[in-house]
Amino acid sequence: MKLFKIILPAVVLMSAVSCKKWTEPKFYSFLTEQNALKSKDDAIALVNGIYARLKQPSGISDSYQYYAGFQMAIMDFTTDIGHSSQSGDISLLSEARWSPTNKYTSFGWQHQYKLVADANIALLSIPKVEKIGDAERKQFTSEVRFLRALGYMDLTDAFGPVILVTEADMEKPDYTSKPAPSPVAEINKLIIADLEYAAANLPLNYKNNPIYPTNDVGRVTKGAALGLLAKLYLREHQWQKVVDLTQQIKDLNQYELFPSYAGLFAESNKWCKESMFSALADALNDGTELMNHFGPISHPIITDRWQYYAVSWSFWNSFATVDERREMFFYNYKGTDDLQYIQPIPGQPNPPDGYYYLPDVATKKYADPAGSKTYYDGHGIPILRYADMILSRAEALNELNGPNAESITLINSVKGRSKAVLLGNASTFTKETLRDAILQERGWEFFFECKRRTDLIRMGKYQEVVNAYLKSIGKKEVIDINKHRYFPYPQTQVDINPNLKNDGRL
């Protein structure tokens, strides 16, 4: 009540004055295009805001958007890996029953385009910043062009042909019109140009950097730009370019595999030699809800979590028992209710007394038992890491030359880190069987890193693998690659732009 006692007289007084004469407001300054960006600090703040688009900041709506959750939903749940026992749109994704109104694909589109839009605004604004030099201008432009390329890469992975907008379009009076989507090949040209510019102008790292006063490990580097470019060429089956780019990345001498797979994802390990580009978070200042969604139900240490995102039991069972990545899951534990949480026993539909059947398996990848106990957590989300470059190179070499010793060595270096069963000699494989081995290894290594769907599609296995999985869980085999290569455009976008059509996508 004290608040009202203080405010009410002021309101009454203002009302009394206003009956006699309006007070003219006094404006001290306006934020305009001319004065908004003046200094280096202004430009840095502008660029930092674009990085923030990679995940929703804590305390603002749902803090699990874009790479903090939604990207994983559309790229892993729509495959043989992700499973959700929850109702609603997330379970529809895991059963391959998405539609133009699915909130995960719709929010995916929205947040990918927010990243692109913010990048375009920055690219329009950075040339106008007065108090920065050429080196700073190139640095900021390179970071922004990488982030725009990432947004368009994600859009074309998910939706194929999309509307292409650049900073040049924003200066046109009709840029908010309703254009038709551009072919993927045309968008690829912009992605390549952005990444080549970024790779040519970005530093190897930010140690003793003249522009940023601290070692800003989360910023884009030359290696990250080369890595995303390699991923684009991998998607387009341009194998020799993948080989050349991954060799360039190796020759930078900036990256190596982290010794421990579990340690790689520890919340305390924000950055290491394997990290090439990640969306970083801090539990207290800029946290995510990864642990809420990925954490196990009724766990005595990681309490009050939802197991909203999990993997299928069939995926977990595919790991060899010696593979340390198998231990990155909560597959057997005593719950807070004193029940033992386990995998369902075949042929025994009801759990024995004292046991509870887990519907799926929560992962420790984003639910670190030694991590935050707060509502928001500080897990980093890997977008590019060196293990991906190693396996991408192995794949490209196999596609060019068939089974070869270097591909086997590369794959085994990733397997060896987790003490997994190593591959035999190249002579024991055909190109097709080694391709299958690489696909399987990528699933074990990169689950919930937003790669599974693109891997399956690139290797021509999406329809076969996902339908087999759907059949195994008693669901209808609905995947037709001719329809489901891309997601349908969000209905909200189709409604306002008649040039976006879902013919052939449903």
Protein backbone atom coordinates (compact mmCIF):
# COMPACT_ATOMS: atom_id res chain seq x y z
CA MET A 1 0.00 0.00 0.00
CA LYS A 2 2.92 2.38 0.59
CA LEU A 3 3.55 2.48 -3.13
CA PHE A 4 0.04 3.66 -3.87
CA LYS A 5 0.23 6.29 -1.11
CA ILE A 6 3.30 7.76 -2.75
CA ILE A 7 2.12 7.59 -6.34
CA LEU A 8 -1.50 8.64 -6.02
CA PRO A 9 -0.89 12.27 -4.91
CA ALA A 10 1.51 12.70 -7.80
CA VAL A 11 -1.09 11.45 -10.24
CA VAL A 12 -3.72 13.78 -8.78
CA LEU A 13 -1.33 16.73 -8.96
CA MET A 14 -0.50 16.00 -12.58
CA SER A 15 -4.19 15.78 -13.38
CA ALA A 16 -4.84 19.14 -11.74
CA VAL A 17 -2.07 20.81 -13.67
CA SER A 18 -3.12 19.22 -16.94
CA CYS A 19 -6.60 20.72 -16.62
CA LYS A 20 -5.07 24.17 -16.95
CA LYS A 21 -2.22 23.74 -19.41
CA TRP A 22 -0.32 20.93 -21.11
CA THR A 23 3.35 20.91 -20.23
CA GLU A 24 5.51 20.72 -23.33
CA PRO A 25 7.92 17.75 -23.03
CA LYS A 26 11.59 18.53 -23.30
CA PHE A 27 13.64 16.13 -25.47
CA TYR A 28 17.35 15.93 -24.75
CA SER A 29 18.27 13.58 -27.61
CA PHE A 30 16.85 11.26 -30.24
CA LEU A 31 18.23 7.84 -31.18
CA THR A 32 18.60 8.07 -34.94
CA GLU A 33 20.47 6.29 -37.71
CA GLN A 34 23.00 9.10 -37.60
CA ASN A 35 23.83 9.04 -33.89
CA ALA A 36 23.09 5.45 -32.82
CA LEU A 37 26.46 4.04 -33.93
CA LYS A 38 29.41 6.32 -33.36
CA SER A 39 32.17 4.43 -31.59
CA LYS A 40 33.99 1.12 -31.48
CA ASP A 41 32.02 0.20 -28.36
CA ASP A 42 28.78 0.85 -30.23
CA ALA A 43 29.89 -1.45 -33.04
CA ILE A 44 30.93 -4.19 -30.61
CA ALA A 45 27.55 -3.98 -28.87
CA LEU A 46 25.85 -4.30 -32.26
CA VAL A 47 27.86 -7.41 -33.15
CA ASN A 48 27.39 -8.97 -29.70
CA GLY A 49 23.65 -8.63 -30.09
CA ILE A 50 23.75 -10.86 -33.16
CA TYR A 51 25.61 -13.61 -31.29
CA ALA A 52 22.81 -13.44 -28.70
CA ARG A 53 20.37 -14.57 -31.40
CA LEU A 54 21.92 -18.06 -31.28
CA LYS A 55 19.92 -18.72 -28.13
CA GLN A 56 17.14 -16.95 -26.29
CA PRO A 57 18.48 -15.00 -23.27
CA SER A 58 17.41 -16.29 -19.86
CA GLY A 59 14.34 -14.73 -18.33
CA ILE A 60 12.89 -13.83 -21.73
CA SER A 61 10.09 -16.19 -22.73
CA ASP A 62 11.38 -19.74 -23.22
CA SER A 63 15.15 -19.92 -22.88
CA TYR A 64 15.54 -22.95 -25.11
CA GLN A 65 15.18 -21.44 -28.53
CA TYR A 66 17.32 -21.81 -31.67
CA TYR A 67 20.52 -23.63 -30.68
CA ALA A 68 19.41 -23.91 -27.05
CA GLY A 69 16.70 -26.39 -28.02
CA PHE A 70 14.59 -25.76 -31.11
CA GLN A 71 17.36 -26.54 -33.60
CA MET A 72 17.95 -29.87 -31.85
CA ALA A 73 14.25 -30.61 -32.02
CA ILE A 74 13.96 -30.18 -35.78
CA MET A 75 17.30 -31.80 -36.63
CA ASP A 76 17.42 -34.72 -34.17
CA PHE A 77 13.83 -35.51 -33.19
CA THR A 78 12.85 -35.95 -36.82
CA THR A 79 15.27 -38.89 -37.10
CA ASP A 80 15.90 -42.27 -35.50
CA ILE A 81 17.64 -40.70 -32.48
CA GLY A 82 15.34 -38.27 -30.71
CA HIS A 83 12.35 -39.44 -28.70
CA SER A 84 9.86 -37.64 -26.49
CA SER A 85 7.24 -39.18 -24.25
CA GLN A 86 5.60 -35.76 -23.93
CA SER A 87 2.49 -34.79 -25.83
CA GLY A 88 2.16 -32.03 -28.39
CA ASP A 89 4.37 -30.86 -31.21
CA ILE A 90 7.59 -32.39 -29.89
CA SER A 91 6.12 -35.91 -29.98
CA LEU A 92 4.69 -35.23 -33.43
CA LEU A 93 8.22 -34.48 -34.61
CA SER A 94 9.56 -37.72 -33.13
CA GLU A 95 6.80 -39.66 -34.91
CA ALA A 96 7.39 -37.87 -38.25
CA ARG A 97 3.95 -36.24 -38.12
CA TRP A 98 4.90 -32.60 -38.45
CA SER A 99 2.75 -30.01 -40.21
CA PRO A 100 2.98 -26.34 -41.27
CA THR A 101 1.67 -25.34 -37.82
CA ASN A 102 4.26 -27.25 -35.78
CA LYS A 103 5.73 -24.72 -33.37
CA TYR A 104 9.24 -26.16 -33.52
CA THR A 105 9.66 -25.83 -37.27
CA SER A 106 7.85 -22.47 -37.17
CA PHE A 107 10.10 -21.11 -34.42
CA GLY A 108 13.09 -22.58 -36.24
CA TRP A 109 12.23 -20.45 -39.28
CA GLN A 110 11.58 -17.42 -37.10
CA HIS A 111 14.84 -17.54 -35.15
CA GLN A 112 16.97 -18.40 -38.16
CA TYR A 113 15.58 -15.37 -39.96
CA LYS A 114 16.04 -13.18 -36.88
CA LEU A 115 19.74 -14.05 -37.05
CA VAL A 116 19.84 -13.17 -40.75
CA ALA A 117 17.87 -9.95 -40.26
CA ASP A 118 20.09 -8.71 -37.43
CA ALA A 119 23.16 -9.52 -39.50
CA ASN A 120 21.78 -7.57 -42.47
CA ILE A 121 21.06 -4.55 -40.27
CA ALA A 122 24.61 -4.68 -38.93
CA LEU A 123 26.13 -4.98 -42.40
CA LEU A 124 24.14 -1.91 -43.42
CA SER A 125 25.26 -0.01 -40.32
CA ILE A 126 28.93 -0.92 -39.82
CA PRO A 127 30.19 1.10 -42.83
CA LYS A 128 28.58 4.18 -41.25
CA VAL A 129 30.37 3.91 -37.89
CA GLU A 130 32.74 6.87 -37.83
CA LYS A 131 35.24 6.20 -35.05
CA ILE A 132 36.66 2.85 -36.17
CA GLY A 133 39.48 1.98 -38.53
CA ASP A 134 39.62 -0.37 -41.50
CA ALA A 135 40.92 -3.30 -39.43
CA GLU A 136 38.04 -3.00 -36.97
CA ARG A 137 35.52 -2.60 -39.76
CA LYS A 138 36.78 -5.78 -41.46
CA GLN A 139 36.73 -7.67 -38.16
CA PHE A 140 33.15 -6.74 -37.31
CA THR A 141 31.96 -7.32 -40.88
CA SER A 142 33.60 -10.75 -40.94
CA GLU A 143 31.94 -11.86 -37.72
CA VAL A 144 28.55 -10.70 -38.96
CA ARG A 145 28.90 -12.31 -42.38
CA PHE A 146 29.73 -15.64 -40.72
CA LEU A 147 26.61 -15.39 -38.56
CA ARG A 148 24.46 -14.57 -41.58
CA ALA A 149 25.93 -17.55 -43.42
CA LEU A 150 25.08 -19.78 -40.46
CA GLY A 151 21.49 -18.54 -40.48
CA TYR A 152 21.09 -19.22 -44.20
CA MET A 153 22.80 -22.61 -43.85
CA ASP A 154 20.27 -23.61 -41.20
CA LEU A 155 17.35 -22.24 -43.23
CA THR A 156 18.33 -24.14 -46.37
CA ASP A 157 19.01 -27.33 -44.39
CA ALA A 158 15.50 -27.18 -42.96
CA PHE A 159 13.41 -25.55 -45.68
CA GLY A 160 15.45 -25.69 -48.89
CA PRO A 161 14.55 -22.71 -51.12
CA VAL A 162 13.89 -19.70 -48.89
CA ILE A 163 13.57 -15.95 -49.35
CA LEU A 164 16.98 -14.39 -49.90
CA VAL A 165 17.41 -10.99 -48.26
CA THR A 166 20.69 -9.08 -47.94
CA GLU A 167 21.68 -5.68 -46.61
CA ALA A 168 21.38 -4.29 -50.16
CA ASP A 169 17.72 -5.34 -50.29
CA MET A 170 17.00 -3.46 -47.08
CA GLU A 171 17.78 -0.16 -48.79
CA LYS A 172 15.13 -0.77 -51.44
CA PRO A 173 11.70 0.79 -50.82
CA ASP A 174 9.90 -2.48 -51.57
CA TYR A 175 12.19 -4.87 -49.70
CA THR A 176 9.31 -5.95 -47.43
CA SER A 177 7.31 -7.17 -50.43
CA LYS A 178 6.43 -10.83 -50.84
CA PRO A 179 9.14 -12.34 -53.05
CA ALA A 180 9.38 -15.92 -54.18
CA PRO A 181 11.94 -18.18 -52.49
CA SER A 182 15.36 -18.42 -54.11
CA PRO A 183 16.90 -21.75 -55.17
CA VAL A 184 19.35 -23.29 -52.72
CA ALA A 185 22.12 -22.94 -55.31
CA GLU A 186 21.64 -19.16 -55.33
CA ILE A 187 21.66 -18.93 -51.55
CA ASN A 188 24.79 -21.09 -51.47
CA LYS A 189 26.59 -18.41 -53.48
CA LEU A 190 25.93 -15.87 -50.74
CA ILE A 191 26.95 -18.32 -48.00
CA ILE A 192 30.20 -19.09 -49.81
CA ALA A 193 30.98 -15.40 -50.39
CA ASP A 194 30.28 -14.58 -46.74
CA LEU A 195 32.43 -17.41 -45.43
CA GLU A 196 35.32 -16.79 -47.81
CA TYR A 197 35.37 -13.14 -46.72
CA ALA A 198 35.24 -14.15 -43.06
CA ALA A 199 38.01 -16.74 -43.44
CA ALA A 200 40.24 -14.21 -45.18
CA ASN A 201 39.85 -11.55 -42.49
CA LEU A 202 39.30 -13.26 -39.15
CA PRO A 203 42.12 -14.13 -36.72
CA LEU A 204 43.10 -17.65 -35.68
CA ASN A 205 42.14 -16.81 -32.08
CA TYR A 206 41.70 -13.79 -29.84
CA LYS A 207 44.81 -13.99 -27.70
CA ASN A 208 46.44 -10.54 -27.49
CA ASN A 209 43.93 -9.28 -30.03
CA PRO A 210 44.29 -5.56 -30.82
CA ILE A 211 40.53 -5.04 -31.21
CA TYR A 212 39.12 -7.01 -28.29
CA PRO A 213 40.87 -6.44 -24.94
CA THR A 214 40.19 -9.96 -23.62
CA ASN A 215 40.60 -13.43 -25.08
CA ASP A 216 37.04 -13.66 -26.45
CA VAL A 217 36.98 -17.40 -27.08
CA GLY A 218 33.34 -17.47 -28.20
CA ARG A 219 33.86 -15.23 -31.21
CA VAL A 220 34.09 -16.46 -34.77
CA THR A 221 37.58 -17.32 -36.01
CA LYS A 222 39.22 -18.17 -39.31
CA GLY A 223 38.93 -21.87 -38.43
CA ALA A 224 35.20 -21.59 -37.76
CA ALA A 225 34.63 -19.89 -41.12
CA LEU A 226 36.60 -22.60 -42.92
CA GLY A 227 34.71 -25.25 -40.94
CA LEU A 228 31.26 -23.97 -41.87
CA LEU A 229 32.37 -23.68 -45.49
CA ALA A 230 33.52 -27.31 -45.38
CA LYS A 231 30.09 -28.28 -44.04
CA LEU A 232 28.39 -26.49 -46.93
CA TYR A 233 30.51 -28.31 -49.49
CA LEU A 234 29.88 -31.59 -47.65
CA ARG A 235 26.15 -31.02 -48.01
CA GLU A 236 26.59 -30.33 -51.71
CA HIS A 237 28.78 -33.44 -52.25
CA GLN A 238 31.75 -31.37 -53.39
CA TRP A 239 34.16 -33.83 -51.86
CA GLN A 240 37.49 -32.43 -53.04
CA LYS A 241 36.68 -29.04 -51.58
CA VAL A 242 35.90 -30.72 -48.26
CA VAL A 243 39.28 -32.47 -48.37
CA ASP A 244 41.08 -29.22 -49.18
CA LEU A 245 39.31 -27.20 -46.49
CA THR A 246 39.75 -29.78 -43.75
CA GLN A 247 43.46 -29.90 -44.58
CA GLN A 248 43.60 -26.11 -44.23
CA ILE A 249 41.90 -26.39 -40.84
CA LYS A 250 44.36 -29.04 -39.69
CA ASP A 251 47.28 -26.91 -40.85
CA LEU A 252 46.11 -24.01 -38.66
CA ASN A 253 47.36 -26.04 -35.66
CA GLN A 254 44.58 -24.63 -33.50
CA TYR A 255 42.45 -27.71 -32.87
CA GLU A 256 42.66 -31.21 -31.46
CA LEU A 257 40.33 -33.76 -29.90
CA PHE A 258 39.62 -33.21 -26.21
CA PRO A 259 40.84 -36.28 -24.27
CA SER A 260 37.50 -37.04 -22.60
CA TYR A 261 34.11 -37.16 -24.32
CA ALA A 262 32.30 -36.58 -21.03
CA GLY A 263 34.65 -33.74 -20.14
CA LEU A 264 33.99 -32.12 -23.48
CA PHE A 265 30.39 -31.47 -22.42
CA ALA A 266 30.96 -30.61 -18.77
CA GLU A 267 29.25 -27.35 -17.92
CA SER A 268 32.52 -26.06 -16.50
CA ASN A 269 34.28 -26.68 -19.82
CA LYS A 270 33.07 -23.66 -21.77
CA TRP A 271 35.81 -23.89 -24.37
CA CYS A 272 38.65 -26.21 -25.29
CA LYS A 273 40.96 -27.11 -28.17
CA GLU A 274 38.20 -29.10 -29.88
CA SER A 275 35.79 -26.13 -29.89
CA MET A 276 35.54 -24.30 -33.20
CA PHE A 277 32.30 -22.40 -32.65
CA SER A 278 29.69 -22.67 -29.91
CA ALA A 279 26.77 -20.80 -28.43
CA LEU A 280 28.01 -20.07 -24.92
CA ALA A 281 25.98 -19.45 -21.77
CA ASP A 282 26.45 -18.51 -18.14
CA ALA A 283 24.03 -19.89 -15.55
CA LEU A 284 23.82 -16.66 -13.57
CA ASN A 285 23.82 -14.05 -16.32
CA ASP A 286 22.75 -15.57 -19.62
CA GLY A 287 21.61 -19.12 -18.95
CA THR A 288 19.55 -21.59 -20.95
CA GLU A 289 16.95 -24.21 -20.10
CA LEU A 290 18.92 -27.08 -21.58
CA MET A 291 19.13 -28.96 -18.28
CA ASN A 292 15.40 -28.54 -17.68
CA HIS A 293 14.59 -30.16 -21.02
CA PHE A 294 17.36 -32.75 -21.17
CA GLY A 295 17.61 -33.62 -17.47
CA PRO A 296 16.24 -36.97 -16.20
CA ILE A 297 12.96 -37.33 -14.34
CA SER A 298 12.97 -38.00 -10.57
CA HIS A 299 16.76 -37.94 -10.33
CA PRO A 300 18.30 -37.50 -6.85
CA ILE A 301 21.07 -35.13 -8.00
CA ILE A 302 19.65 -33.38 -11.06
CA THR A 303 16.34 -32.57 -9.46
CA ASP A 304 13.09 -31.20 -10.86
CA ARG A 305 13.90 -31.76 -14.53
CA TRP A 306 11.53 -32.85 -17.26
CA GLN A 307 13.21 -35.35 -19.65
CA TYR A 308 11.45 -33.52 -22.44
CA TYR A 309 14.28 -34.25 -24.90
CA ALA A 310 15.65 -37.79 -24.83
CA VAL A 311 16.95 -40.52 -27.14
CA SER A 312 15.21 -43.71 -28.13
CA TRP A 313 16.17 -46.93 -26.40
CA SER A 314 17.07 -48.42 -29.79
CA PHE A 315 19.67 -45.69 -30.27
CA TRP A 316 21.14 -46.17 -26.80
CA ASN A 317 21.28 -49.94 -27.31
CA SER A 318 23.34 -49.44 -30.48
CA PHE A 319 26.39 -48.37 -28.45
CA ALA A 320 28.93 -51.08 -27.65
CA THR A 321 29.28 -51.65 -23.90
CA VAL A 322 32.94 -50.55 -24.03
CA ASP A 323 32.07 -47.25 -25.71
CA GLU A 324 32.33 -44.49 -23.08
CA ARG A 325 29.70 -42.47 -24.94
CA ARG A 326 27.19 -45.09 -23.76
CA GLU A 327 27.71 -43.73 -20.25
CA MET A 328 26.56 -40.27 -21.32
CA PHE A 329 22.99 -41.28 -20.47
CA PHE A 330 20.82 -41.76 -17.37
CA TYR A 331 19.81 -45.33 -18.13
CA ASN A 332 19.72 -46.91 -14.65
CA TYR A 333 19.36 -44.99 -11.38
CA LYS A 334 17.43 -44.89 -8.12
CA GLY A 335 14.86 -42.11 -8.23
CA THR A 336 13.72 -39.72 -5.55
CA ASP A 337 10.75 -42.05 -4.99
CA ASP A 338 13.13 -44.98 -4.21
CA LEU A 339 12.14 -46.76 -7.41
CA GLN A 340 14.88 -48.06 -9.71
CA TYR A 341 14.56 -46.38 -13.11
CA ILE A 342 15.51 -48.83 -15.87
CA GLN A 343 15.03 -49.85 -19.50
CA PRO A 344 11.85 -51.88 -20.07
CA ILE A 345 12.47 -55.62 -19.86
CA PRO A 346 11.57 -57.38 -23.15
CA GLY A 347 8.47 -59.55 -22.81
CA GLN A 348 7.58 -58.04 -19.44
CA PRO A 349 5.16 -55.16 -20.05
CA ASN A 350 4.84 -54.21 -16.39
CA PRO A 351 7.88 -53.34 -14.27
CA PRO A 352 8.74 -55.56 -11.29
CA ASP A 353 7.98 -54.22 -7.82
CA GLY A 354 10.36 -51.42 -6.91
CA TYR A 355 11.16 -50.57 -10.54
CA TYR A 356 10.02 -47.95 -13.03
CA TYR A 357 10.27 -48.28 -16.79
CA LEU A 358 11.87 -45.27 -18.44
CA PRO A 359 10.06 -44.40 -21.70
CA ASP A 360 13.31 -43.12 -23.23
CA VAL A 361 16.83 -42.18 -22.14
CA ALA A 362 17.93 -38.76 -20.91
CA THR A 363 21.43 -37.65 -21.84
CA LYS A 364 24.17 -36.12 -19.70
CA LYS A 365 25.37 -34.08 -22.66
CA TYR A 366 23.34 -31.09 -21.48
CA ALA A 367 22.51 -32.31 -17.97
CA ASP A 368 25.85 -32.43 -16.19
CA PRO A 369 25.56 -34.05 -12.70
CA ALA A 370 28.35 -31.70 -11.56
CA GLY A 371 26.74 -28.66 -13.19
CA SER A 372 24.30 -25.96 -12.12
CA LYS A 373 21.49 -26.71 -9.72
CA THR A 374 19.67 -23.53 -10.69
CA TYR A 375 16.69 -23.20 -13.03
CA TYR A 376 18.92 -21.79 -15.78
CA ASP A 377 22.16 -23.54 -16.64
CA GLY A 378 25.39 -22.56 -18.34
CA HIS A 379 25.98 -25.36 -20.84
CA GLY A 380 27.67 -24.45 -24.09
CA ILE A 381 26.09 -25.69 -27.29
CA PRO A 382 28.64 -26.90 -29.86
CA ILE A 383 27.89 -25.76 -33.39
CA LEU A 384 31.25 -26.69 -34.93
CA ARG A 385 33.89 -28.89 -33.34
CA TYR A 386 37.03 -30.52 -34.62
CA ALA A 387 35.67 -34.09 -34.45
CA ASP A 388 33.18 -33.05 -37.14
CA MET A 389 36.01 -31.91 -39.40
CA ILE A 390 37.80 -35.24 -38.88
CA LEU A 391 34.76 -37.33 -39.80
CA SER A 392 33.82 -34.99 -42.66
CA ARG A 393 37.27 -35.49 -44.14
CA ALA A 394 37.00 -39.26 -43.72
CA GLU A 395 33.65 -39.21 -45.54
CA ALA A 396 34.91 -37.05 -48.40
CA LEU A 397 37.99 -39.23 -48.93
CA ASN A 398 35.82 -42.35 -49.03
CA GLU A 399 33.47 -40.77 -51.57
CA LEU A 400 36.43 -39.78 -53.76
CA ASN A 401 38.62 -42.86 -53.46
CA GLY A 402 36.62 -45.61 -51.78
CA PRO A 403 37.90 -47.25 -48.58
CA ASN A 404 41.36 -45.93 -47.72
CA ALA A 405 43.80 -46.00 -44.85
CA GLU A 406 43.47 -42.30 -44.01
CA SER A 407 39.69 -42.50 -43.62
CA ILE A 408 40.05 -45.48 -41.29
CA THR A 409 42.70 -43.67 -39.22
CA LEU A 410 40.54 -40.57 -38.96
CA ILE A 411 37.45 -42.48 -37.87
CA ASN A 412 39.43 -44.51 -35.36
CA SER A 413 40.90 -41.36 -33.83
CA VAL A 414 37.36 -40.29 -32.89
CA LYS A 415 36.41 -43.80 -31.77
CA GLY A 416 39.60 -44.19 -29.77
CA ARG A 417 38.86 -41.12 -27.66
CA SER A 418 35.77 -42.95 -26.33
CA LYS A 419 37.40 -46.41 -26.22
CA ALA A 420 34.91 -47.64 -28.81
CA VAL A 421 35.54 -50.69 -30.99
CA LEU A 422 37.89 -49.62 -33.78
CA LEU A 423 37.34 -50.26 -37.48
CA GLY A 424 39.42 -52.87 -39.26
CA ASN A 425 41.55 -52.44 -42.36
CA ALA A 426 40.22 -50.52 -45.34
CA SER A 427 40.27 -53.74 -47.37
CA THR A 428 37.37 -55.09 -45.29
CA PHE A 429 35.03 -52.34 -46.54
CA THR A 430 33.35 -51.24 -49.72
CA LYS A 431 32.57 -47.58 -50.33
CA GLU A 432 28.97 -48.26 -49.29
CA THR A 433 29.76 -50.15 -46.08
CA LEU A 434 32.33 -47.56 -45.01
CA ARG A 435 29.77 -44.83 -45.70
CA ASP A 436 27.36 -46.69 -43.41
CA ALA A 437 30.05 -46.96 -40.73
CA ILE A 438 30.70 -43.21 -40.93
CA LEU A 439 26.99 -42.48 -40.66
CA GLN A 440 26.72 -44.68 -37.59
CA GLU A 441 29.79 -43.09 -36.03
CA ARG A 442 28.40 -39.62 -36.63
CA GLY A 443 25.20 -40.63 -34.83
CA TRP A 444 27.13 -41.86 -31.80
CA GLU A 445 29.40 -38.83 -31.73
CA PHE A 446 27.00 -35.96 -32.53
CA PHE A 447 23.63 -36.91 -31.03
CA PHE A 448 21.76 -33.74 -30.10
CA GLU A 449 24.21 -31.49 -31.92
CA CYS A 450 21.77 -30.69 -34.75
CA LYS A 451 23.43 -32.92 -37.36
CA ARG A 452 21.55 -36.21 -37.64
CA ARG A 453 18.87 -35.19 -40.13
CA THR A 454 21.31 -33.55 -42.53
CA ASP A 455 23.66 -36.55 -42.23
CA LEU A 456 20.91 -39.02 -43.12
CA ILE A 457 19.70 -36.93 -46.05
CA ARG A 458 23.20 -36.31 -47.40
CA MET A 459 23.98 -40.04 -47.37
CA GLY A 460 20.67 -40.99 -48.96
CA LYS A 461 19.46 -42.87 -45.87
CA TYR A 462 16.75 -40.66 -44.41
CA GLN A 463 13.71 -42.53 -45.69
CA GLU A 464 15.17 -45.98 -45.03
CA VAL A 465 16.49 -45.34 -41.52
CA VAL A 466 13.62 -43.27 -40.15
CA ASN A 467 10.93 -45.59 -41.52
CA ALA A 468 12.72 -48.58 -39.99
CA TYR A 469 12.77 -46.75 -36.66
CA LEU A 470 9.08 -45.82 -36.91
CA LYS A 471 8.20 -49.43 -37.66
CA SER A 472 10.21 -50.62 -34.65
CA ILE A 473 8.16 -48.43 -32.28
CA GLY A 474 4.84 -49.42 -33.82
CA LYS A 475 4.29 -46.24 -35.82
CA LYS A 476 3.35 -45.85 -39.47
CA GLU A 477 6.23 -45.64 -41.96
CA VAL A 478 5.39 -42.24 -43.37
CA ILE A 479 8.67 -40.79 -44.62
CA ASP A 480 8.83 -40.18 -48.35
CA ILE A 481 12.06 -38.38 -49.22
CA ASN A 482 10.39 -36.69 -52.18
CA LYS A 483 8.00 -34.98 -49.76
CA HIS A 484 10.06 -34.81 -46.60
CA ARG A 485 13.45 -33.65 -47.83
CA TYR A 486 12.42 -30.25 -46.47
CA PHE A 487 9.95 -29.17 -43.82
CA PRO A 488 6.79 -27.36 -44.91
CA TYR A 489 6.95 -23.60 -44.75
CA PRO A 490 5.28 -22.30 -41.56
CA GLN A 491 1.59 -21.67 -42.11
CA THR A 492 1.90 -18.14 -40.75
CA GLN A 493 4.36 -17.36 -43.55
CA VAL A 494 2.30 -19.05 -46.25
CA ASP A 495 -0.71 -17.00 -45.18
CA ILE A 496 1.07 -13.69 -45.73
CA ASN A 497 3.19 -14.61 -48.75
CA PRO A 498 1.38 -16.38 -51.62
CA ASN A 499 4.76 -17.17 -53.20
CA LEU A 500 5.52 -19.64 -50.41
CA LYS A 501 3.74 -22.85 -51.31
CA ASN A 502 3.74 -26.21 -49.56
CA ASP A 503 2.75 -28.20 -52.63
CA GLY A 504 4.68 -31.46 -52.57
CA ARG A 505 5.86 -30.98 -48.97
CA LEU A 506 2.88 -32.54 -47.19
